Amino acid sequence: MRRYFYGLILFTFFPALLTAQFNFERKNDSFAFEPPKKISYYSHPHFNRVEGLSLQAGLKFVPFQNDFTIHTELWYATSMDADEALQYQISFEKGFKIPNALFVGAHYFDKIASPDDWVNTDYENSLAGLFAHRDYRDWYRQNGGMVFFDLRLRETHTIRFEVNHVDFEILDVLPNADWSLFSWAHDRTFAPNSIRHPFLSFAEGSETAFRAMFALDNRDNPIFPMSGWMLETIFEKTTGDFETNGLFSTLKYFRTSFGNQRLQAKLMLGSRTDAWAAQHLMGLGGPGTLRGFEPKEFYGDRLLHGSVNYYFGGDVLQNLPLAFIPFWDTFSLGVFVDFGDAWLANGMAYPGSANTGKSSAGLLDFDKFSSSNAHASPGLSLLIAEGLMRFDFAKRTEGDGGWQVYFHLLGKF
């Protein structure tokens, strides 16, 4: 039953997406007790400042009951012009047992996408937009196609290869939507696209990307891990109008401690050579990164980021005489510290600058990183149902600025 629950969560809250930077799609079993239906329908609507409310309809077609699946997905962005509002993705996938699970597939698409999928989920970003009038991602439009080979070893480890050809289309800098459910409660407006750094603009052009990826997963379960570790590494080479090399790696560690207490830690490294367009750069700050800082306060083609989180379970709050509060036994407390930096290895390499073009810095060149320039952000977490829902309260350790508050539901770590 637990395995079925995990599969249901994956299917409901983490739909398959073409991701950039640190994320890649990993195929997982959807643990069901019955064979898949020949035709099934689903929907994953979302909200952001570019599309407004994006309504989605998806169809899954399993024609032969032999691990061949067709997905057809349509989106309609209610805040965009009618000639731009419709988006689509068509996917084909075939599974093989060899005896390890091998998936071969392709996507054909025309849709709004983001290079920031790794900082939070679509679901979290939509909640922030609807309730807090905040959109933590930047957006562009891309159309093209992708083919992939995904090999799962020992049911947990993954090796994946992708070839992805896309055309990038720049979207309006000003938001198309500027409303939320509680906009009367504050005077906040949505940020422009891109966030905080208008001189780092997205660039139109065509790109073919070759990606080699692997994931070593030693966690006890994929949704609410209590112990173990996971390493994900992506190497990417792009050709066409954007000729870059990229390396992105994430190490996560989980361990139970005293009583109900547990530790979660991660370390991220990102590097891209010859990058000058915003879709190939990395931002640091905001949810999923430095939680005490503004979204994407730091930007560059190099990134080093770490986060250490310690959760007390019920060992702190449950000792307080507050049992009269409804569902108090589901509340718990945690502390964390985020740290890191993002920078341009070759100086100000954006369009119009003297350094635009080939960079002298190699893919593993992190010489400009200095611990004295690293940024830190400690904070406090209030968890409900062991982290199913979580509130983070974070404070920057430098400069002016108050507390940043984030709400997470099945949030990424």
Protein backbone atom coordinates (compact mmCIF):
# COMPACT_ATOMS: atom_id res chain seq x y z
CA MET A 1 0.00 0.00 0.00
CA ARG A 2 2.85 2.39 0.80
CA ARG A 3 4.45 1.78 -2.60
CA TYR A 4 1.11 2.54 -4.28
CA PHE A 5 0.84 5.77 -2.28
CA TYR A 6 4.33 6.87 -3.35
CA GLY A 7 3.52 6.19 -6.99
CA LEU A 8 0.27 8.10 -6.75
CA ILE A 9 2.09 11.13 -5.31
CA LEU A 10 4.67 11.03 -8.08
CA PHE A 11 1.99 10.91 -10.77
CA THR A 12 -0.17 13.59 -9.19
CA PHE A 13 2.33 16.23 -8.12
CA PHE A 14 5.38 15.60 -10.28
CA PRO A 15 4.29 15.31 -13.92
CA ALA A 16 6.95 14.64 -16.53
CA LEU A 17 8.67 17.84 -17.66
CA LEU A 18 11.60 18.83 -19.79
CA THR A 19 13.85 20.30 -17.15
CA ALA A 20 17.01 22.34 -17.28
CA GLN A 21 20.09 22.82 -15.14
CA PHE A 22 20.06 20.46 -12.14
CA ASN A 23 16.95 18.36 -12.79
CA PHE A 24 16.26 15.48 -15.08
CA GLU A 25 13.27 13.21 -15.45
CA ARG A 26 13.73 9.76 -13.94
CA LYS A 27 11.35 6.98 -14.88
CA ASN A 28 9.62 5.30 -11.94
CA ASP A 29 7.00 2.62 -11.64
CA SER A 30 3.48 3.83 -10.87
CA PHE A 31 2.67 1.16 -8.30
CA ALA A 32 -0.92 0.16 -9.10
CA PHE A 33 -2.86 -2.99 -8.26
CA GLU A 34 -4.61 -3.10 -11.63
CA PRO A 35 -3.28 -3.06 -15.20
CA PRO A 36 -3.27 0.43 -16.73
CA LYS A 37 -6.44 1.54 -18.48
CA LYS A 38 -6.32 1.80 -22.24
CA ILE A 39 -7.34 5.48 -22.02
CA SER A 40 -7.06 7.68 -18.94
CA TYR A 41 -7.33 11.43 -18.40
CA TYR A 42 -5.55 13.80 -16.03
CA SER A 43 -4.99 17.51 -15.44
CA HIS A 44 -2.17 19.56 -13.90
CA PRO A 45 -3.22 23.24 -14.03
CA HIS A 46 -0.73 25.82 -12.80
CA PHE A 47 -0.37 29.58 -12.31
CA ASN A 48 2.44 32.05 -12.96
CA ARG A 49 2.89 35.69 -13.93
CA VAL A 50 3.43 34.94 -17.65
CA GLU A 51 0.57 32.51 -18.35
CA GLY A 52 -1.77 33.52 -15.56
CA LEU A 53 -3.94 30.47 -14.90
CA SER A 54 -2.84 27.74 -17.30
CA LEU A 55 -5.52 25.09 -17.78
CA GLN A 56 -4.27 21.66 -18.77
CA ALA A 57 -5.84 18.51 -20.16
CA GLY A 58 -3.86 15.32 -20.53
CA LEU A 59 -4.66 11.97 -22.14
CA LYS A 60 -2.71 8.76 -21.58
CA PHE A 61 -3.22 6.06 -24.22
CA VAL A 62 -1.93 2.50 -23.78
CA PRO A 63 -2.93 0.82 -27.05
CA PHE A 64 -1.38 -2.62 -26.77
CA GLN A 65 -0.78 -3.34 -23.05
CA ASN A 66 2.89 -3.93 -23.84
CA ASP A 67 4.62 -0.99 -22.15
CA PHE A 68 3.94 1.35 -25.09
CA THR A 69 2.37 4.62 -23.97
CA ILE A 70 1.23 7.80 -25.71
CA HIS A 71 0.68 11.05 -23.78
CA THR A 72 -1.09 14.04 -25.31
CA GLU A 73 -1.14 17.24 -23.26
CA LEU A 74 -2.69 20.64 -23.99
CA TRP A 75 -2.35 23.88 -22.02
CA TYR A 76 -4.30 27.12 -22.42
CA ALA A 77 -2.83 30.23 -20.77
CA THR A 78 -5.72 32.48 -19.80
CA SER A 79 -3.62 35.67 -19.49
CA MET A 80 -1.80 35.43 -22.82
CA ASP A 81 -2.97 36.61 -26.22
CA ALA A 82 -5.16 34.09 -28.00
CA ASP A 83 -2.57 33.37 -30.70
CA GLU A 84 0.03 32.49 -28.01
CA ALA A 85 -2.16 30.88 -25.36
CA LEU A 86 -2.30 27.32 -26.68
CA GLN A 87 0.58 24.96 -25.87
CA TYR A 88 1.03 21.23 -26.37
CA GLN A 89 3.27 18.24 -25.83
CA ILE A 90 2.99 14.80 -27.46
CA SER A 91 5.05 11.97 -25.96
CA PHE A 92 5.76 8.39 -27.00
CA GLU A 93 7.39 5.86 -24.71
CA LYS A 94 8.25 2.16 -24.90
CA GLY A 95 9.51 0.05 -22.01
CA PHE A 96 11.70 -3.04 -22.21
CA LYS A 97 12.89 -5.62 -19.67
CA ILE A 98 16.49 -6.60 -20.40
CA PRO A 99 16.37 -7.60 -17.37
CA ASN A 100 16.88 -4.01 -16.15
CA ALA A 101 14.14 -1.58 -17.08
CA LEU A 102 14.90 0.38 -20.27
CA PHE A 103 12.65 3.18 -21.51
CA VAL A 104 12.94 4.71 -24.96
CA GLY A 105 10.83 7.67 -25.92
CA ALA A 106 10.36 11.03 -27.59
CA HIS A 107 8.62 14.36 -26.92
CA TYR A 108 7.36 16.90 -29.43
CA PHE A 109 6.29 20.21 -27.88
CA ASP A 110 5.54 23.91 -28.07
CA LYS A 111 5.18 25.33 -24.56
CA ILE A 112 6.22 27.83 -21.92
CA ALA A 113 9.23 26.54 -19.96
CA SER A 114 11.64 27.66 -17.26
CA PRO A 115 15.33 27.06 -16.44
CA ASP A 116 14.39 27.17 -12.74
CA ASP A 117 12.43 23.92 -12.33
CA TRP A 118 15.04 22.78 -9.80
CA VAL A 119 14.23 25.46 -7.18
CA ASN A 120 10.61 24.42 -6.55
CA THR A 121 7.79 22.38 -8.03
CA ASP A 122 5.09 23.69 -10.36
CA TYR A 123 2.63 23.11 -7.55
CA GLU A 124 4.60 25.20 -5.04
CA ASN A 125 5.26 27.99 -7.50
CA SER A 126 1.55 28.14 -8.35
CA LEU A 127 0.58 28.37 -4.67
CA ALA A 128 3.09 31.20 -4.17
CA GLY A 129 1.61 33.07 -7.13
CA LEU A 130 -2.02 32.58 -6.09
CA PHE A 131 -1.65 33.29 -2.36
CA ALA A 132 1.54 35.36 -1.93
CA HIS A 133 1.74 37.18 -5.28
CA ARG A 134 5.24 35.76 -5.87
CA ASP A 135 6.57 33.92 -8.92
CA TYR A 136 10.04 32.51 -8.28
CA ARG A 137 10.85 31.46 -11.84
CA ASP A 138 11.76 33.04 -15.15
CA TRP A 139 10.02 31.95 -18.35
CA TYR A 140 10.61 31.55 -22.07
CA ARG A 141 8.85 29.67 -24.84
CA GLN A 142 10.44 26.70 -26.53
CA ASN A 143 9.33 24.42 -29.33
CA GLY A 144 11.06 21.38 -30.70
CA GLY A 145 11.59 17.74 -29.83
CA MET A 146 13.57 15.35 -27.68
CA VAL A 147 14.47 11.65 -27.75
CA PHE A 148 15.74 9.78 -24.70
CA PHE A 149 17.09 6.44 -23.48
CA ASP A 150 16.53 5.79 -19.79
CA LEU A 151 18.06 2.72 -18.14
CA ARG A 152 17.20 1.89 -14.52
CA LEU A 153 19.67 -0.37 -12.70
CA ARG A 154 18.68 -2.38 -9.64
CA GLU A 155 15.34 -0.52 -9.60
CA THR A 156 16.85 2.68 -8.15
CA HIS A 157 19.91 3.84 -10.12
CA THR A 158 19.45 5.59 -13.47
CA ILE A 159 21.53 6.21 -16.58
CA ARG A 160 19.89 8.49 -19.13
CA PHE A 161 20.82 10.00 -22.50
CA GLU A 162 18.91 12.75 -24.26
CA VAL A 163 19.13 14.62 -27.55
CA ASN A 164 17.02 17.74 -27.42
CA HIS A 165 16.49 20.30 -30.22
CA VAL A 166 14.61 23.50 -29.33
CA ASP A 167 13.94 26.97 -30.64
CA PHE A 168 13.85 29.64 -27.92
CA GLU A 169 11.32 32.46 -28.10
CA ILE A 170 11.56 35.50 -25.83
CA LEU A 171 8.45 36.40 -23.85
CA ASP A 172 7.36 39.85 -22.69
CA VAL A 173 9.41 41.35 -19.88
CA LEU A 174 6.33 42.76 -18.16
CA PRO A 175 3.99 40.22 -16.51
CA ASN A 176 0.83 39.24 -18.36
CA ALA A 177 -0.94 38.58 -15.03
CA ASP A 178 -0.75 40.71 -11.93
CA TRP A 179 -3.52 39.34 -9.73
CA SER A 180 -3.73 36.86 -6.88
CA LEU A 181 -6.36 35.68 -4.42
CA PHE A 182 -5.18 37.98 -1.62
CA SER A 183 -3.68 40.89 -3.59
CA TRP A 184 -5.59 43.28 -1.30
CA ALA A 185 -3.43 42.17 1.64
CA HIS A 186 -0.20 43.68 0.26
CA ASP A 187 1.09 46.08 -2.38
CA ARG A 188 3.45 43.55 -4.00
CA THR A 189 3.60 43.24 -7.78
CA PHE A 190 5.04 40.45 -9.88
CA ALA A 191 8.66 40.88 -10.90
CA PRO A 192 9.65 41.36 -14.54
CA ASN A 193 10.91 38.47 -16.64
CA SER A 194 13.83 37.95 -15.88
CA ILE A 195 13.84 38.46 -12.12
CA ARG A 196 16.08 41.24 -10.72
CA HIS A 197 18.54 41.19 -13.61
CA PRO A 198 17.05 42.89 -16.70
CA PHE A 199 20.50 43.16 -18.33
CA LEU A 200 20.68 39.33 -18.38
CA SER A 201 18.03 38.73 -20.99
CA PHE A 202 16.83 35.56 -22.65
CA ALA A 203 17.98 35.21 -26.25
CA GLU A 204 16.18 33.79 -29.24
CA GLY A 205 17.86 31.08 -31.25
CA SER A 206 18.07 27.37 -31.98
CA GLU A 207 19.94 24.84 -29.90
CA THR A 208 20.67 21.13 -30.00
CA ALA A 209 21.59 19.73 -26.61
CA PHE A 210 23.24 16.38 -25.89
CA ARG A 211 22.85 15.26 -22.27
CA ALA A 212 24.38 12.36 -20.38
CA MET A 213 23.02 11.84 -16.88
CA PHE A 214 23.23 9.39 -14.05
CA ALA A 215 21.67 9.04 -10.61
CA LEU A 216 22.95 6.80 -7.81
CA ASP A 217 20.09 6.47 -5.34
CA ASN A 218 20.67 4.80 -1.98
CA ARG A 219 17.69 6.36 -0.14
CA ASP A 220 15.27 4.21 1.82
CA ASN A 221 12.33 5.63 -0.17
CA PRO A 222 12.02 8.27 -2.92
CA ILE A 223 9.32 10.53 -1.40
CA PHE A 224 10.00 10.87 2.34
CA PRO A 225 13.56 9.56 2.77
CA MET A 226 14.78 9.07 6.32
CA SER A 227 18.21 7.61 5.61
CA GLY A 228 20.61 7.11 2.73
CA TRP A 229 22.09 9.31 0.01
CA MET A 230 21.61 10.22 -3.63
CA LEU A 231 23.98 11.62 -6.26
CA GLU A 232 22.73 13.12 -9.52
CA THR A 233 25.12 14.37 -12.22
CA ILE A 234 24.34 15.88 -15.63
CA PHE A 235 26.77 16.68 -18.43
CA GLU A 236 25.36 18.79 -21.26
CA LYS A 237 26.79 20.01 -24.54
CA THR A 238 24.80 22.48 -26.65
CA THR A 239 25.39 23.39 -30.29
CA GLY A 240 23.80 25.79 -32.73
CA ASP A 241 23.29 29.41 -31.73
CA PHE A 242 24.40 28.57 -28.16
CA GLU A 243 27.61 26.55 -27.93
CA THR A 244 28.16 25.69 -24.29
CA ASN A 245 29.30 22.87 -22.03
CA GLY A 246 27.52 22.31 -18.73
CA LEU A 247 28.11 20.22 -15.61
CA PHE A 248 25.53 20.03 -12.81
CA SER A 249 25.82 17.76 -9.78
CA THR A 250 23.76 17.36 -6.60
CA LEU A 251 24.61 15.22 -3.57
CA LYS A 252 21.92 14.66 -0.93
CA TYR A 253 22.34 12.95 2.44
CA PHE A 254 19.70 11.73 4.90
CA ARG A 255 20.18 10.27 8.36
CA THR A 256 18.05 9.56 11.39
CA SER A 257 19.41 10.82 14.69
CA PHE A 258 18.26 10.71 18.32
CA GLY A 259 14.66 9.75 18.93
CA ASN A 260 12.50 11.16 16.11
CA GLN A 261 15.19 13.58 14.92
CA ARG A 262 16.78 13.50 11.47
CA LEU A 263 19.35 15.29 9.33
CA GLN A 264 19.05 16.34 5.69
CA ALA A 265 21.95 17.92 3.82
CA LYS A 266 22.74 18.69 0.19
CA LEU A 267 25.60 20.12 -1.83
CA MET A 268 25.17 21.44 -5.38
CA LEU A 269 27.78 22.34 -7.98
CA GLY A 270 26.96 23.95 -11.32
CA SER A 271 29.19 25.14 -14.15
CA ARG A 272 28.61 26.20 -17.76
CA THR A 273 31.20 27.52 -20.20
CA ASP A 274 30.60 30.22 -22.83
CA ALA A 275 27.14 31.02 -21.44
CA TRP A 276 25.76 34.52 -21.94
CA ALA A 277 21.98 34.11 -22.38
CA ALA A 278 19.81 34.02 -19.26
CA GLN A 279 18.39 30.56 -20.08
CA HIS A 280 21.87 29.09 -19.56
CA LEU A 281 22.79 30.90 -16.33
CA MET A 282 21.99 29.95 -12.74
CA GLY A 283 20.34 32.07 -10.08
CA LEU A 284 20.83 31.72 -6.32
CA GLY A 285 18.46 33.12 -3.71
CA GLY A 286 14.88 32.41 -2.73
CA PRO A 287 13.10 29.07 -2.22
CA GLY A 288 15.17 25.95 -2.75
CA THR A 289 18.44 27.89 -2.49
CA LEU A 290 19.37 30.78 -0.13
CA ARG A 291 16.02 31.16 1.59
CA GLY A 292 16.87 34.39 3.42
CA PHE A 293 17.71 36.29 0.23
CA GLU A 294 15.62 37.68 -2.59
CA PRO A 295 14.89 35.38 -5.54
CA LYS A 296 17.89 35.11 -7.86
CA GLU A 297 19.80 37.78 -5.97
CA PHE A 298 23.03 36.21 -7.27
CA TYR A 299 23.51 35.06 -10.84
CA GLY A 300 26.25 33.43 -12.88
CA ASP A 301 27.68 30.59 -14.92
CA ARG A 302 29.17 29.05 -11.75
CA LEU A 303 27.24 27.96 -8.67
CA LEU A 304 28.16 26.38 -5.35
CA HIS A 305 25.34 25.85 -2.88
CA GLY A 306 24.78 23.82 0.26
CA SER A 307 22.01 23.36 2.80
CA VAL A 308 21.97 21.60 6.17
CA ASN A 309 18.57 20.92 7.78
CA TYR A 310 17.96 19.33 11.17
CA TYR A 311 14.41 18.26 12.10
CA PHE A 312 13.47 17.48 15.70
CA GLY A 313 10.35 15.43 14.95
CA GLY A 314 8.04 15.79 17.93
CA ASP A 315 10.88 15.93 20.45
CA VAL A 316 10.56 19.71 21.01
CA LEU A 317 7.04 20.94 20.33
CA GLN A 318 5.32 17.90 21.79
CA ASN A 319 6.87 18.66 25.18
CA LEU A 320 5.02 21.98 25.35
CA PRO A 321 1.60 22.16 27.09
CA LEU A 322 -0.22 22.96 23.85
CA ALA A 323 -2.06 19.73 23.17
CA PHE A 324 -5.35 21.65 23.09
CA ILE A 325 -4.40 23.03 19.65
CA PRO A 326 -6.08 20.94 16.91
CA PHE A 327 -3.70 18.49 15.23
CA TRP A 328 -0.88 19.61 17.53
CA ASP A 329 0.59 16.11 17.49
CA THR A 330 1.35 16.54 13.76
CA PHE A 331 3.51 19.66 14.28
CA SER A 332 7.30 19.55 14.55
CA LEU A 333 10.23 21.93 14.43
CA GLY A 334 13.47 22.19 12.46
CA VAL A 335 16.46 24.48 11.96
CA PHE A 336 18.57 25.03 8.85
CA VAL A 337 21.39 27.00 7.31
CA ASP A 338 21.80 27.64 3.57
CA PHE A 339 25.08 28.84 2.09
CA GLY A 340 26.76 29.40 -1.27
CA ASP A 341 27.41 31.78 -4.13
CA ALA A 342 26.78 32.21 -7.87
CA TRP A 343 29.13 34.23 -10.08
CA LEU A 344 30.38 34.79 -13.62
CA ALA A 345 33.72 33.07 -14.10
CA ASN A 346 34.74 35.44 -16.90
CA GLY A 347 33.31 38.66 -15.52
CA MET A 348 30.27 40.45 -16.93
CA ALA A 349 29.54 38.22 -19.92
CA TYR A 350 26.15 39.46 -21.08
CA PRO A 351 25.08 40.82 -24.50
CA GLY A 352 26.71 44.16 -25.18
CA SER A 353 29.55 43.72 -22.69
CA ALA A 354 33.23 43.50 -23.59
CA ASN A 355 33.41 39.89 -22.41
CA THR A 356 30.56 38.49 -24.50
CA GLY A 357 31.71 35.42 -26.42
CA LYS A 358 34.20 32.69 -25.62
CA SER A 359 35.23 32.39 -22.00
CA SER A 360 38.75 31.55 -20.89
CA ALA A 361 37.41 29.67 -17.84
CA GLY A 362 37.21 25.89 -18.11
CA LEU A 363 34.28 23.76 -16.98
CA LEU A 364 35.98 22.87 -13.69
CA ASP A 365 37.41 26.34 -13.12
CA PHE A 366 36.09 27.61 -9.78
CA ASP A 367 39.09 29.84 -9.01
CA LYS A 368 36.94 32.92 -8.43
CA PHE A 369 35.06 31.27 -5.60
CA SER A 370 36.02 32.57 -2.18
CA SER A 371 34.61 31.47 1.14
CA SER A 372 34.81 35.09 2.29
CA ASN A 373 32.33 36.02 -0.46
CA ALA A 374 29.94 33.15 0.25
CA HIS A 375 26.49 34.01 1.57
CA ALA A 376 24.66 32.33 4.46
CA SER A 377 21.04 32.18 5.50
CA PRO A 378 19.97 30.48 8.77
CA GLY A 379 16.36 29.83 9.61
CA LEU A 380 13.60 27.91 11.33
CA SER A 381 11.12 25.39 9.88
CA LEU A 382 7.65 24.52 11.13
CA LEU A 383 6.61 21.13 9.76
CA ILE A 384 3.18 19.53 9.57
CA ALA A 385 2.82 15.78 9.10
CA GLU A 386 6.59 15.23 9.05
CA GLY A 387 7.15 17.72 6.24
CA LEU A 388 4.13 17.04 4.06
CA MET A 389 3.58 20.77 4.61
CA ARG A 390 6.31 23.12 5.80
CA PHE A 391 6.79 26.80 6.64
CA ASP A 392 10.34 28.17 6.40
CA PHE A 393 11.39 31.39 8.18
CA ALA A 394 14.80 32.53 6.94
CA LYS A 395 17.06 35.54 7.62
CA ARG A 396 20.00 36.79 5.60
CA THR A 397 23.27 37.35 7.47
CA GLU A 398 24.38 40.39 5.47
CA GLY A 399 22.84 43.65 4.35
CA ASP A 400 19.34 44.86 5.10
CA GLY A 401 16.24 42.76 4.84
CA GLY A 402 13.60 41.18 7.02
CA TRP A 403 12.55 37.60 7.41
CA GLN A 404 11.56 35.64 4.32
CA VAL A 405 8.65 33.21 4.75
CA TYR A 406 7.95 30.31 2.38
CA PHE A 407 5.23 27.68 2.33
CA HIS A 408 6.00 24.23 0.92
CA LEU A 409 3.69 21.37 0.08
CA LEU A 410 5.52 18.17 -0.84
CA GLY A 411 8.41 20.53 -1.48
CA LYS A 412 11.66 19.72 -3.24
CA PHE A 413 14.87 19.19 -1.33
